[in-house]
C-alpha cells in the first residue's frame, strides 16, 4: 500500500533532524535575525516536502487503481505486476516530492514570518538593502535583533499534517480494499492467453533441462563405451600377440577371461533397445515414401546416417529461417508446414528406429515448435526446438555407433573362438601376427590356420590294411564298394536317447499310450535340453551373435506331448 513504512518515516525524520542540525551549525556566527529566518526556511521546506509528498501519493493511488481495474476487471494488463507497480508508484511519489522541494528566498521567508508573528514587516525591512531602508536601517535591524529570540516558530509556522495524513490513510484503505476484493475478470480472453503463455514457458524450461541433461548423459555414455571398446580390444590384441604354443593352458585361461569380458560388453552394447531398433514394420506414415524409408533403414543397419542426417539438416535449416522471420501470416503458414514435416519424420523414426530416446527428443521438438507460434515465445521456443533436433541427431549417431561396435565385437568374438580352438590344438602362436593388425586381419589369419588344422585332422594316418583289397599297410583312403553284393545289413533305428536316459521323441501309433508317466518323462526331457542350452550359452561356448536364434528355437519346443 501507499502508507509510508516505519523505515521511511524514520528516514524522513532523520533527514529533517539533519537539516535542522546543519541549519543550527550554519547559524553560528550569524545575527539573531538571520538565525530566525534560517530556521523558518527549513520549516517551510519541510512543509513543502510534505505537501508534494501528499499529492504524489494521492496521484500514485489514482494511477494504481486505474492499473488494477485494467488488470482485474478488463484483463488487459498482467496481474503478476500488481505489487511491483504498487511499490514503483510509491517510490515515484517520494522522488516527485524530493525533486520539487525548493529553498525559499530570504525576503519571502521574512515576509511570511512578519505575517505569522505580527511584526508588521520588521524582519522584511531588516533584510532589505540600505537603499531600500534608508537612514532608519540600523534602528530597524536593532529592533529585529531584539524581537527575533522572542518569536516562536512552532506557533508561527506550525506543521498541519493531520488533513494530509488522513487523506493518505483513506487512499491506502481504498488501495488495500481493491487489492483484496476486486475480482479477476477476462472479457477479452487476455488472461487466458497469458496463462497459456506462462504454462508454455514452464514446459519449455522443463524440456530445455531434459534436453541438456540427456545430451550430457549421452556424451558421457558414448565416451565410456568408446573407452571400454578400445581397452577390451587392446587387451585381446595383446593376448593374441603373447600367445605361445607351449603355454596353451595359460593362453586358454586368458582367452576365456577375454571372452567373458567381450561377451558382457557385447550384451551391454546390444541391449533390448538396439535389438528393436531395426525391427521391420509394415505400418505407413503420411506421405513419406516407402523407398526412402527402406533406404534409411538399410543405411542405418550399416551404421550410415547420411540420409537421416540430410533430412534433419533440412528441418533445422527451415526452423532457423523461421526463427529469424517477423511475425506474419506467411510465417504462421510455414510453421504449420514445418510442423507437418517434422511429424512425418518423427513417425518415420518410430517405424525405422523404434528408439524411445529418439522419439522423446523429436516429441519435444514438435512441442517446442508448437510453442513458437506464440509471438512472445517464438525466439526462445525455436532455439529450444533446434537443440532438440540436434539431440535427435546425437541419439541416432549413438545408435549407429552401437551397431558398429556390436558388429566389431561379434567379429572379435568369432576370432577369439577360433583362437581358443587353435590354442587347444597348440597352434596359436603370437609370432605369426604382425604389428598393427586389425580385427579383420586376425579373423583372416585364424581362418587360414583353422583351415590348415581341419585339413590335417581330415587326413587319416597310416594303419593296418586288414581285409582291404590287397592286404598290408593301408593309406586310409576310401575303398571302392559294390552295391550289387548282397549283405546281411539291416536298417534299424538306434535306441540311443538324446538326453540322460530320457526318451525325447517317440513314434505315433494307433494304440492308446500311457498318458501320465510318459508325459512327465517327455516334459523333464525337454526341460533338461533347455537347461543344457542355457548353461552352454552362459558358459560362452556359443558366440553371442547366435544366442537369440538358439534361444528362440529351443523356446518353441513344447513341454506337453
Protein backbone atom coordinates (compact mmCIF):
# COMPACT_ATOMS: atom_id res chain seq x y z
CA UNK A 1 0.00 0.00 0.00
CA UNK A 2 0.94 3.65 -0.23
CA UNK A 3 1.26 4.22 3.54
CA UNK A 4 4.82 5.11 4.45
CA UNK A 5 6.56 2.35 6.34
CA UNK A 6 8.25 2.86 9.70
CA UNK A 7 11.61 2.81 7.97
CA UNK A 8 10.51 5.56 5.56
CA UNK A 9 9.22 7.72 8.42
CA UNK A 10 12.45 7.22 10.34
CA UNK A 11 14.47 8.19 7.28
CA UNK A 12 12.38 11.34 6.76
CA UNK A 13 12.69 12.23 10.45
CA UNK A 14 16.43 11.68 10.35
CA UNK A 15 16.73 13.83 7.24
CA UNK A 16 14.73 16.58 8.93
CA UNK A 17 16.87 16.40 12.04
CA UNK A 18 19.99 16.55 9.91
CA UNK A 19 18.71 19.63 8.09
CA UNK A 20 17.90 21.34 11.40
CA UNK A 21 21.30 20.43 12.82
CA UNK A 22 23.06 21.78 9.75
CA UNK A 23 20.94 24.93 9.96
CA UNK A 24 21.89 25.42 13.60
CA UNK A 25 25.59 24.89 12.89
CA UNK A 26 25.48 27.26 9.97
CA UNK A 27 23.75 29.79 12.21
CA UNK A 28 26.83 30.05 14.41
CA UNK A 29 28.30 33.50 13.93
CA UNK A 30 25.03 34.86 12.50
CA UNK A 31 22.78 37.53 13.90
CA UNK A 32 19.57 36.62 15.72
CA UNK A 33 17.55 37.77 12.73
CA UNK A 34 19.47 35.56 10.34
CA UNK A 35 19.13 32.56 12.67
CA UNK A 36 15.40 33.08 12.87
CA UNK A 37 14.98 33.33 9.11
CA UNK A 38 17.18 30.26 8.51
CA UNK A 39 15.11 28.12 10.88
CA UNK A 40 11.92 29.42 9.33
CA UNK A 41 13.21 28.49 5.84
CA UNK A 42 13.86 24.91 7.00
CA UNK A 43 10.34 24.58 8.37
CA UNK A 44 8.89 25.95 5.14
CA UNK A 45 10.93 23.43 3.11
CA UNK A 46 9.71 20.55 5.26
CA UNK A 47 6.13 21.73 4.92
CA UNK A 48 6.57 21.96 1.15
CA UNK A 49 8.01 18.43 1.04
CA UNK A 50 5.01 17.11 2.98
CA UNK A 51 2.54 18.79 0.62
CA UNK A 52 4.25 17.46 -2.51
CA UNK A 53 4.53 14.00 -0.97
CA UNK A 54 0.82 14.00 -0.17
CA UNK A 55 -0.12 14.97 -3.71
CA UNK A 56 2.36 12.46 -5.14
CA UNK A 57 0.94 9.59 -3.06
CA UNK A 58 -2.65 10.52 -3.88
CA UNK A 59 -1.81 10.70 -7.59
CA UNK A 60 0.02 7.35 -7.37
CA UNK A 61 -3.04 5.83 -5.68
CA UNK A 62 -5.28 7.01 -8.52
CA UNK A 63 -2.89 5.61 -11.13
CA UNK A 64 -2.63 2.31 -9.29
CA UNK A 65 -6.40 1.93 -9.01
CA UNK A 66 -6.63 2.53 -12.75
CA UNK A 67 -3.96 -0.10 -13.40
CA UNK A 68 -5.69 -2.56 -11.05
CA UNK A 69 -9.01 -2.05 -12.80
CA UNK A 70 -7.33 -2.65 -16.16
CA UNK A 71 -5.66 -5.81 -14.87
CA UNK A 72 -8.52 -7.29 -12.83
CA UNK A 73 -11.72 -6.10 -14.46
CA UNK A 74 -10.63 -5.93 -18.11
CA UNK A 75 -7.71 -8.37 -18.06
CA UNK A 76 -5.67 -6.08 -20.32
CA UNK A 77 -2.61 -5.97 -18.04
CA UNK A 78 -0.83 -8.91 -16.34
CA UNK A 79 -1.89 -9.30 -12.71
CA UNK A 80 1.56 -10.53 -11.66
CA UNK A 81 2.90 -6.96 -11.95
CA UNK A 82 0.38 -5.50 -9.47
CA UNK A 83 2.67 -5.47 -6.43
CA UNK A 84 5.77 -4.27 -8.33
CA UNK A 85 3.60 -1.49 -9.80
CA UNK A 86 2.42 -0.51 -6.30
CA UNK A 87 5.97 -0.30 -4.98
CA UNK A 88 7.15 1.58 -8.07
CA UNK A 89 4.41 4.21 -7.86
CA UNK A 90 5.09 4.75 -4.13
CA UNK A 91 8.79 5.27 -4.83
CA UNK A 92 7.92 7.60 -7.71
CA UNK A 93 5.79 9.74 -5.36
CA UNK A 94 8.71 10.11 -2.93
CA UNK A 95 11.10 11.08 -5.74
CA UNK A 96 8.49 13.50 -7.06
CA UNK A 97 8.33 15.27 -3.68
CA UNK A 98 12.12 15.43 -3.31
CA UNK A 99 12.60 16.83 -6.81
CA UNK A 100 10.05 19.62 -6.39
CA UNK A 101 11.24 20.87 -3.00
CA UNK A 102 12.93 24.31 -3.24
CA UNK A 103 14.72 26.59 -0.77
CA UNK A 104 12.62 29.79 -0.39
CA UNK A 105 14.19 33.20 -0.86
CA UNK A 106 15.18 35.17 2.27
CA UNK A 107 12.75 38.03 1.61
CA UNK A 108 9.86 35.58 1.16
CA UNK A 109 10.74 33.90 4.45
CA UNK A 110 10.89 37.28 6.20
CA UNK A 111 7.52 38.28 4.77
CA UNK A 112 5.91 35.03 5.98
CA UNK A 113 7.43 35.41 9.46
CA UNK A 114 6.20 39.01 9.69
CA UNK A 115 2.72 37.91 8.63
CA UNK A 116 2.54 34.99 11.09
CA UNK A 117 4.31 36.67 14.04
CA UNK A 118 2.55 40.06 13.67
CA UNK A 119 5.80 42.05 13.45
CA UNK A 120 4.49 44.41 10.74
CA UNK A 121 7.28 43.83 8.16
CA UNK A 122 10.00 44.30 10.74
CA UNK A 123 12.10 41.37 9.56
CA UNK A 124 11.42 42.14 5.90
CA UNK A 125 12.76 45.68 6.44
CA UNK A 126 15.78 44.32 8.30
CA UNK A 127 16.85 42.15 5.35
CA UNK A 128 16.34 44.87 2.72
CA UNK A 129 19.41 46.62 1.42
CA UNK A 130 20.44 50.06 2.59
CA UNK A 131 18.87 51.85 -0.36
CA UNK A 132 15.50 50.35 0.44
CA UNK A 133 15.55 51.07 4.19
CA UNK A 134 17.28 54.46 4.19
CA UNK A 135 18.83 56.02 7.27
CA UNK A 136 16.47 54.05 9.55
CA UNK A 137 18.09 50.72 8.71
CA UNK A 138 20.25 50.49 11.88
CA UNK A 139 17.22 51.18 14.05
CA UNK A 140 15.17 48.55 12.24
CA UNK A 141 17.91 45.94 12.48
CA UNK A 142 18.37 46.64 16.19
CA UNK A 143 14.67 46.20 16.80
CA UNK A 144 14.66 42.96 14.76
CA UNK A 145 17.58 41.60 16.80
CA UNK A 146 15.62 42.23 19.97
CA UNK A 147 12.40 40.67 18.69
CA UNK A 148 13.93 37.62 16.93
CA UNK A 149 14.60 35.47 20.04
CA UNK A 150 11.05 36.06 21.21
CA UNK A 151 9.41 34.66 18.01
CA UNK A 152 8.06 31.08 18.49
CA UNK A 153 8.32 29.49 15.05
CA UNK A 154 6.38 26.39 16.18
CA UNK A 155 3.35 28.62 16.66
CA UNK A 156 4.10 30.98 13.80
CA UNK A 157 4.79 28.24 11.24
CA UNK A 158 3.08 25.08 12.55
CA UNK A 159 3.01 21.76 10.61
CA UNK A 160 -0.60 20.98 9.63
CA UNK A 161 -0.07 17.27 8.93
CA UNK A 162 -3.39 15.85 10.12
CA UNK A 163 -5.54 16.53 7.00
CA UNK A 164 -2.84 15.26 4.64
CA UNK A 165 -2.22 12.16 6.74
CA UNK A 166 -5.95 11.43 6.83
CA UNK A 167 -6.18 11.72 3.05
CA UNK A 168 -3.21 9.33 2.63
CA UNK A 169 -4.78 6.82 5.03
CA UNK A 170 -8.05 6.90 3.08
CA UNK A 171 -6.13 6.31 -0.17
CA UNK A 172 -4.27 3.40 1.43
CA UNK A 173 -7.54 1.87 2.60
CA UNK A 174 -9.03 2.13 -0.90
CA UNK A 175 -5.95 0.51 -2.41
CA UNK A 176 -5.98 -2.31 0.14
CA UNK A 177 -9.70 -2.94 -0.39
CA UNK A 178 -9.22 -3.01 -4.16
CA UNK A 179 -6.36 -5.49 -3.87
CA UNK A 180 -8.42 -7.70 -1.57
CA UNK A 181 -11.87 -7.68 -3.18
CA UNK A 182 -11.65 -6.66 -6.84
CA UNK A 183 -12.30 -9.90 -8.81
CA UNK A 184 -10.35 -11.17 -11.79
CA UNK A 185 -12.43 -10.93 -14.96
CA UNK A 186 -11.41 -11.77 -18.51
CA UNK A 187 -13.85 -10.26 -21.04
CA UNK A 188 -11.25 -10.13 -23.84
CA UNK A 189 -9.60 -13.54 -23.14
CA UNK A 190 -6.32 -11.83 -22.39
CA UNK A 191 -5.81 -13.58 -19.05
CA UNK A 192 -6.36 -16.97 -20.65
CA UNK A 193 -3.77 -16.19 -23.31
CA UNK A 194 -1.25 -15.07 -20.70
CA UNK A 195 -1.83 -18.20 -18.61
CA UNK A 196 -1.31 -20.35 -21.67
CA UNK A 197 1.89 -18.47 -22.41
CA UNK A 198 3.14 -18.96 -18.83
CA UNK A 199 2.37 -22.68 -18.95
CA UNK A 200 4.13 -22.99 -22.31
CA UNK A 201 7.12 -21.17 -20.90
CA UNK A 202 7.29 -23.52 -17.92
CA UNK A 203 7.09 -26.53 -20.24
CA UNK A 204 9.84 -25.02 -22.38
CA UNK A 205 12.07 -24.63 -19.34
CA UNK A 206 11.47 -28.24 -18.25
CA UNK A 207 12.06 -29.55 -21.78
CA UNK A 208 15.22 -27.46 -22.05
CA UNK A 209 16.58 -29.01 -18.85
CA UNK A 210 15.72 -32.53 -20.06
CA UNK A 211 17.41 -31.91 -23.42
CA UNK A 212 20.58 -30.55 -21.82
CA UNK A 213 20.71 -33.37 -19.27
CA UNK A 214 20.17 -36.08 -21.90
CA UNK A 215 22.79 -34.55 -24.22
CA UNK A 216 25.31 -34.51 -21.37
CA UNK A 217 24.47 -38.09 -20.37
CA UNK A 218 24.67 -39.29 -23.98
CA UNK A 219 28.08 -37.71 -24.47
CA UNK A 220 29.37 -39.37 -21.30
CA UNK A 221 27.92 -42.77 -22.28
CA UNK A 222 29.49 -42.54 -25.74
CA UNK A 223 32.86 -41.67 -24.22
CA UNK A 224 32.73 -44.55 -21.75
CA UNK A 225 31.61 -47.02 -24.44
CA UNK A 226 34.44 -46.00 -26.77
CA UNK A 227 36.93 -46.24 -23.93
CA UNK A 228 35.73 -49.72 -22.91
CA UNK A 229 35.83 -50.91 -26.53
CA UNK A 230 39.36 -49.66 -27.06
CA UNK A 231 40.61 -51.16 -23.81
CA UNK A 232 38.93 -54.55 -24.39
CA UNK A 233 40.19 -54.87 -27.97
CA UNK A 234 43.67 -53.73 -26.92
CA UNK A 235 43.82 -56.44 -24.23
CA UNK A 236 42.60 -59.05 -26.73
CA UNK A 237 45.27 -57.94 -29.20
CA UNK A 238 47.92 -58.26 -26.50
CA UNK A 239 46.66 -61.76 -25.61
CA UNK A 240 46.91 -62.81 -29.28
CA UNK A 241 50.44 -61.43 -29.55
CA UNK A 242 51.62 -63.00 -26.29
CA UNK A 243 50.21 -66.46 -27.14
CA UNK A 244 52.73 -69.30 -27.30
CA UNK A 245 52.05 -72.88 -28.43
CA UNK A 246 53.89 -74.36 -25.43
CA UNK A 247 51.82 -72.34 -22.93
CA UNK A 248 48.40 -73.31 -24.21
CA UNK A 249 46.81 -73.69 -20.74
CA UNK A 250 47.76 -70.17 -19.75
CA UNK A 251 46.68 -68.87 -23.17
CA UNK A 252 43.30 -70.64 -22.92
CA UNK A 253 42.77 -69.16 -19.46
CA UNK A 254 43.48 -65.64 -20.73
CA UNK A 255 41.28 -66.16 -23.77
CA UNK A 256 38.41 -67.36 -21.56
CA UNK A 257 38.69 -64.20 -19.47
CA UNK A 258 38.74 -62.02 -22.58
CA UNK A 259 35.73 -63.92 -23.94
CA UNK A 260 33.70 -63.23 -20.82
CA UNK A 261 34.61 -59.56 -20.87
CA UNK A 262 33.86 -59.14 -24.58
CA UNK A 263 30.61 -61.08 -24.21
CA UNK A 264 29.48 -58.82 -21.37
CA UNK A 265 30.39 -55.73 -23.37
CA UNK A 266 28.53 -57.13 -26.40
CA UNK A 267 25.39 -57.69 -24.31
CA UNK A 268 25.68 -54.14 -22.97
CA UNK A 269 26.02 -52.64 -26.46
CA UNK A 270 23.30 -54.84 -27.97
CA UNK A 271 20.60 -54.02 -25.41
CA UNK A 272 16.88 -54.52 -25.93
CA UNK A 273 16.50 -51.04 -27.40
CA UNK A 274 19.11 -51.77 -30.05
CA UNK A 275 17.56 -55.16 -30.82
CA UNK A 276 14.23 -53.49 -31.52
CA UNK A 277 15.75 -50.57 -33.41
CA UNK A 278 15.73 -52.20 -36.81
CA UNK A 279 12.69 -54.38 -36.35
CA UNK A 280 10.87 -54.14 -39.68
CA UNK A 281 7.32 -52.87 -39.61
CA UNK A 282 4.57 -52.76 -42.18
CA UNK A 283 2.93 -49.57 -40.93
CA UNK A 284 2.81 -46.49 -43.13
CA UNK A 285 3.25 -42.88 -42.19
CA UNK A 286 1.78 -39.98 -44.10
CA UNK A 287 3.33 -39.06 -47.40
CA UNK A 288 6.86 -40.29 -46.60
CA UNK A 289 7.54 -42.74 -49.41
CA UNK A 290 8.44 -46.35 -48.64
CA UNK A 291 11.54 -46.32 -50.86
CA UNK A 292 13.14 -43.53 -48.87
CA UNK A 293 12.17 -45.26 -45.62
CA UNK A 294 13.78 -48.54 -46.70
CA UNK A 295 16.92 -46.70 -47.80
CA UNK A 296 17.21 -45.10 -44.38
CA UNK A 297 16.74 -48.48 -42.69
CA UNK A 298 19.39 -50.15 -44.86
CA UNK A 299 21.79 -47.26 -44.27
CA UNK A 300 21.23 -47.42 -40.53
CA UNK A 301 21.89 -51.18 -40.50
CA UNK A 302 25.33 -50.37 -41.91
CA UNK A 303 25.86 -47.58 -39.39
CA UNK A 304 25.31 -44.91 -42.07
CA UNK A 305 23.20 -41.88 -41.14
CA UNK A 306 23.73 -39.81 -44.29
CA UNK A 307 20.09 -39.91 -45.43
CA UNK A 308 18.62 -39.23 -41.99
CA UNK A 309 21.20 -36.52 -41.25
CA UNK A 310 20.37 -34.79 -44.52
CA UNK A 311 16.65 -34.73 -43.62
CA UNK A 312 17.43 -33.47 -40.11
CA UNK A 313 19.70 -30.78 -41.54
CA UNK A 314 16.94 -29.53 -43.85
CA UNK A 315 14.44 -29.42 -40.98
CA UNK A 316 16.89 -27.49 -38.80
CA UNK A 317 17.65 -25.07 -41.64
CA UNK A 318 13.94 -24.33 -42.14
CA UNK A 319 13.47 -23.88 -38.40
CA UNK A 320 16.39 -21.45 -38.20
CA UNK A 321 14.96 -19.47 -41.11
CA UNK A 322 11.56 -19.28 -39.40
CA UNK A 323 13.11 -18.05 -36.14
CA UNK A 324 14.56 -15.04 -37.97
CA UNK A 325 11.27 -14.08 -39.65
CA UNK A 326 8.96 -11.43 -38.13
CA UNK A 327 5.50 -12.46 -37.03
CA UNK A 328 3.22 -12.62 -40.07
CA UNK A 329 0.67 -14.78 -41.83
CA UNK A 330 3.41 -16.19 -44.06
CA UNK A 331 5.45 -17.24 -41.03
CA UNK A 332 2.47 -18.99 -39.43
CA UNK A 333 1.78 -20.86 -42.68
CA UNK A 334 5.40 -22.01 -42.89
CA UNK A 335 5.28 -23.06 -39.24
CA UNK A 336 2.30 -25.30 -39.97
CA UNK A 337 4.08 -26.83 -42.95
CA UNK A 338 7.27 -27.42 -40.96
CA UNK A 339 5.28 -28.97 -38.10
CA UNK A 340 3.70 -31.37 -40.61
CA UNK A 341 7.13 -32.35 -42.00
CA UNK A 342 8.53 -32.84 -38.52
CA UNK A 343 5.56 -35.00 -37.56
CA UNK A 344 6.10 -37.19 -40.62
CA UNK A 345 9.80 -37.50 -39.84
CA UNK A 346 9.00 -38.48 -36.23
CA UNK A 347 6.59 -41.18 -37.45
CA UNK A 348 9.27 -42.43 -39.83
CA UNK A 349 11.76 -42.71 -36.99
CA UNK A 350 9.22 -44.63 -34.92
CA UNK A 351 8.81 -47.06 -37.80
CA UNK A 352 12.52 -47.39 -38.64
CA UNK A 353 14.44 -46.91 -35.42
CA UNK A 354 11.97 -47.70 -32.61
CA UNK A 355 14.15 -45.84 -30.10
CA UNK A 356 12.38 -44.29 -27.13
CA UNK A 357 15.09 -41.65 -26.68
CA UNK A 358 14.85 -40.55 -30.33
CA UNK A 359 11.03 -40.43 -30.08
CA UNK A 360 11.18 -38.29 -26.92
CA UNK A 361 13.66 -35.83 -28.46
CA UNK A 362 11.51 -35.43 -31.59
CA UNK A 363 8.34 -35.09 -29.48
CA UNK A 364 9.96 -32.27 -27.53
CA UNK A 365 10.97 -30.60 -30.79
CA UNK A 366 7.36 -30.74 -32.04
CA UNK A 367 6.02 -29.33 -28.74
CA UNK A 368 8.58 -26.53 -28.83
CA UNK A 369 7.72 -25.75 -32.45
CA UNK A 370 4.07 -25.52 -31.41
CA UNK A 371 5.02 -23.10 -28.60
CA UNK A 372 6.89 -20.97 -31.16
CA UNK A 373 3.50 -19.97 -32.61
CA UNK A 374 3.10 -17.65 -29.60
CA UNK A 375 4.79 -14.39 -30.53
CA UNK A 376 6.25 -13.78 -27.06
CA UNK A 377 7.88 -17.24 -27.02
CA UNK A 378 8.77 -17.52 -30.71
CA UNK A 379 12.52 -16.94 -30.45
CA UNK A 380 13.03 -18.96 -27.27
CA UNK A 381 10.93 -21.91 -28.44
CA UNK A 382 12.58 -22.00 -31.88
CA UNK A 383 16.04 -22.18 -30.30
CA UNK A 384 14.91 -24.98 -27.98
CA UNK A 385 13.41 -26.89 -30.93
CA UNK A 386 16.74 -26.69 -32.79
CA UNK A 387 18.54 -28.06 -29.72
CA UNK A 388 16.05 -30.95 -29.57
CA UNK A 389 16.70 -31.72 -33.25
CA UNK A 390 20.43 -31.70 -32.51
CA UNK A 391 19.79 -34.15 -29.67
CA UNK A 392 17.83 -36.40 -32.04
CA UNK A 393 20.81 -36.42 -34.37
CA UNK A 394 23.10 -37.25 -31.45
CA UNK A 395 20.81 -40.12 -30.38
CA UNK A 396 20.85 -41.57 -33.91
CA UNK A 397 24.63 -41.23 -34.12
CA UNK A 398 24.98 -43.10 -30.83
CA UNK A 399 22.63 -45.80 -32.14
CA UNK A 400 24.67 -46.19 -35.33
CA UNK A 401 27.87 -46.28 -33.29
CA UNK A 402 26.44 -49.02 -31.06
CA UNK A 403 25.60 -51.07 -34.17
CA UNK A 404 29.14 -50.69 -35.48
CA UNK A 405 30.58 -51.56 -32.09
CA UNK A 406 28.30 -54.60 -31.84
CA UNK A 407 29.50 -55.90 -35.21
CA UNK A 408 33.13 -55.27 -34.25
CA UNK A 409 32.61 -57.21 -31.02
CA UNK A 410 30.95 -60.07 -32.91
CA UNK A 411 33.95 -60.29 -35.24
CA UNK A 412 36.30 -60.15 -32.27
CA UNK A 413 34.37 -62.96 -30.53
CA UNK A 414 34.48 -65.09 -33.67
CA UNK A 415 38.22 -64.56 -33.91
CA UNK A 416 38.54 -65.36 -30.22
CA UNK A 417 36.56 -68.59 -30.68
CA UNK A 418 38.92 -69.67 -33.46
CA UNK A 419 41.89 -68.63 -31.33
CA UNK A 420 40.66 -70.89 -28.50
CA UNK A 421 40.44 -73.86 -30.87
CA UNK A 422 43.91 -73.14 -32.22
CA UNK A 423 45.29 -72.75 -28.69
CA UNK A 424 43.72 -76.06 -27.62
CA UNK A 425 45.47 -77.73 -30.56
CA UNK A 426 48.75 -75.98 -29.72
CA UNK A 427 48.68 -73.98 -32.96
CA UNK A 428 48.18 -70.44 -31.62
CA UNK A 429 51.42 -68.52 -31.88
CA UNK A 430 51.66 -64.77 -31.40
CA UNK A 431 54.77 -64.72 -33.55
CA UNK A 432 52.59 -65.29 -36.62
CA UNK A 433 50.93 -61.92 -36.15
CA UNK A 434 52.17 -58.56 -37.33
CA UNK A 435 52.28 -55.15 -35.75
CA UNK A 436 49.15 -53.06 -36.23
CA UNK A 437 46.84 -55.94 -37.20
CA UNK A 438 43.13 -55.17 -37.09
CA UNK A 439 40.28 -57.47 -36.04
CA UNK A 440 39.66 -58.34 -39.70
CA UNK A 441 43.35 -59.25 -40.13
CA UNK A 442 43.22 -61.56 -37.11
CA UNK A 443 39.99 -63.15 -38.38
CA UNK A 444 41.62 -63.84 -41.76
CA UNK A 445 44.78 -65.22 -40.16
CA UNK A 446 42.88 -67.51 -37.78
CA UNK A 447 40.59 -68.68 -40.59
CA UNK A 448 43.66 -69.77 -42.57
CA UNK A 449 45.11 -71.54 -39.53
CA UNK A 450 41.77 -73.25 -38.88
CA UNK A 451 41.65 -74.43 -42.49
CA UNK A 452 45.13 -75.88 -42.12
CA UNK A 453 44.16 -77.55 -38.85
CA UNK A 454 40.99 -79.02 -40.38
CA UNK A 455 42.94 -80.34 -43.35
CA UNK A 456 45.43 -82.01 -41.04
CA UNK A 457 42.68 -83.60 -38.94
CA UNK A 458 40.92 -84.84 -42.11
CA UNK A 459 43.90 -86.84 -43.22
CA UNK A 460 43.95 -90.20 -41.52
CA UNK A 461 47.37 -91.58 -40.63
CA UNK A 462 48.70 -94.97 -41.91
CA UNK A 463 47.22 -98.14 -40.34
CA UNK A 464 46.88 -101.90 -40.83
CA UNK A 465 45.05 -102.84 -44.03
CA UNK A 466 43.04 -105.73 -42.54
CA UNK A 467 40.65 -107.16 -45.15
CA UNK A 468 41.22 -104.39 -47.75
CA UNK A 469 41.83 -105.04 -51.42
CA UNK A 470 45.47 -106.01 -51.39
CA UNK A 471 46.48 -106.53 -47.74
CA UNK A 472 49.33 -104.86 -46.00
CA UNK A 473 49.72 -101.31 -44.84
CA UNK A 474 46.71 -99.17 -45.87
CA UNK A 475 46.73 -95.48 -46.79
CA UNK A 476 43.42 -94.64 -45.13
CA UNK A 477 41.68 -93.67 -48.37
CA UNK A 478 38.07 -94.64 -49.26
CA UNK A 479 37.82 -98.15 -50.70
CA UNK A 480 35.61 -98.99 -53.69
CA UNK A 481 32.21 -100.56 -52.93
CA UNK A 482 29.89 -102.83 -54.91
CA UNK A 483 26.21 -102.10 -54.16
CA UNK A 484 25.12 -105.26 -56.06
CA UNK A 485 26.59 -107.57 -53.46
CA UNK A 486 24.00 -108.91 -51.00
CA UNK A 487 24.80 -108.37 -47.32
CA UNK A 488 23.11 -109.04 -44.02
CA UNK A 489 22.84 -105.25 -43.23
CA UNK A 490 19.52 -104.23 -41.71
CA UNK A 491 18.23 -100.62 -41.49
CA UNK A 492 17.14 -100.02 -37.90
CA UNK A 493 16.57 -97.03 -35.63
CA UNK A 494 19.13 -96.54 -32.92
CA UNK A 495 17.76 -96.86 -29.38
CA UNK A 496 20.17 -94.16 -28.23
CA UNK A 497 18.44 -91.41 -26.22
CA UNK A 498 19.06 -87.73 -26.83
CA UNK A 499 19.46 -86.89 -23.13
CA UNK A 500 20.49 -88.62 -19.94
CA UNK A 501 18.34 -91.73 -20.03
CA UNK A 502 15.13 -89.91 -21.07
CA UNK A 503 13.09 -90.52 -24.21
CA UNK A 504 12.79 -87.26 -26.14
CA UNK A 505 10.77 -88.39 -29.20
CA UNK A 506 8.66 -91.41 -29.99
CA UNK A 507 6.74 -92.84 -32.93
CA UNK A 508 2.98 -92.36 -33.01
CA UNK A 509 0.80 -95.46 -33.24
CA UNK A 510 -2.89 -96.12 -33.25
CA UNK A 511 -2.70 -97.67 -29.80
CA UNK A 512 -3.55 -95.81 -26.63
CA UNK A 513 -0.35 -94.71 -24.86
CA UNK A 514 0.38 -94.26 -21.18
CA UNK A 515 -0.55 -90.61 -20.61
CA UNK A 516 0.75 -89.83 -17.13
CA UNK A 517 4.24 -91.28 -16.84
CA UNK A 518 5.26 -90.76 -20.48
CA UNK A 519 4.11 -87.11 -20.47
CA UNK A 520 6.14 -86.40 -17.37
CA UNK A 521 9.21 -88.07 -18.88
CA UNK A 522 8.83 -86.01 -22.06
CA UNK A 523 8.42 -82.75 -20.11
CA UNK A 524 11.51 -83.50 -18.00
CA UNK A 525 13.50 -84.34 -21.12
CA UNK A 526 12.58 -81.03 -22.83
CA UNK A 527 13.43 -79.06 -19.71
CA UNK A 528 16.75 -80.84 -19.48
CA UNK A 529 17.58 -79.89 -23.05
CA UNK A 530 16.62 -76.24 -22.44
CA UNK A 531 18.69 -76.14 -19.28
CA UNK A 532 21.67 -77.57 -21.09
CA UNK A 533 21.32 -74.94 -23.81
CA UNK A 534 21.13 -72.12 -21.25
CA UNK A 535 24.18 -73.43 -19.42
CA UNK A 536 26.12 -73.65 -22.68
CA UNK A 537 25.20 -70.07 -23.58
CA UNK A 538 26.13 -68.81 -20.14
CA UNK A 539 29.49 -70.58 -20.35
CA UNK A 540 30.16 -68.62 -23.57
CA UNK A 541 30.56 -71.75 -25.62
CA UNK A 542 28.49 -70.10 -28.36
CA UNK A 543 29.28 -66.64 -29.83
CA UNK A 544 26.81 -64.03 -28.54
CA UNK A 545 25.61 -63.23 -32.03
CA UNK A 546 23.85 -66.62 -32.21
CA UNK A 547 22.28 -66.56 -28.72
CA UNK A 548 18.91 -65.13 -29.73
CA UNK A 549 18.36 -67.54 -32.61
CA UNK A 550 19.30 -70.58 -30.47
CA UNK A 551 17.10 -69.48 -27.56
CA UNK A 552 14.19 -68.82 -29.89
CA UNK A 553 14.46 -72.30 -31.43
CA UNK A 554 14.59 -74.19 -28.13
CA UNK A 555 11.91 -72.00 -26.54
CA UNK A 556 9.48 -73.22 -29.21
CA UNK A 557 9.86 -76.85 -28.07
CA UNK A 558 6.57 -77.84 -26.37
CA UNK A 559 6.68 -79.29 -22.88
CA UNK A 560 3.50 -81.28 -23.48
CA UNK A 561 3.13 -84.12 -25.95
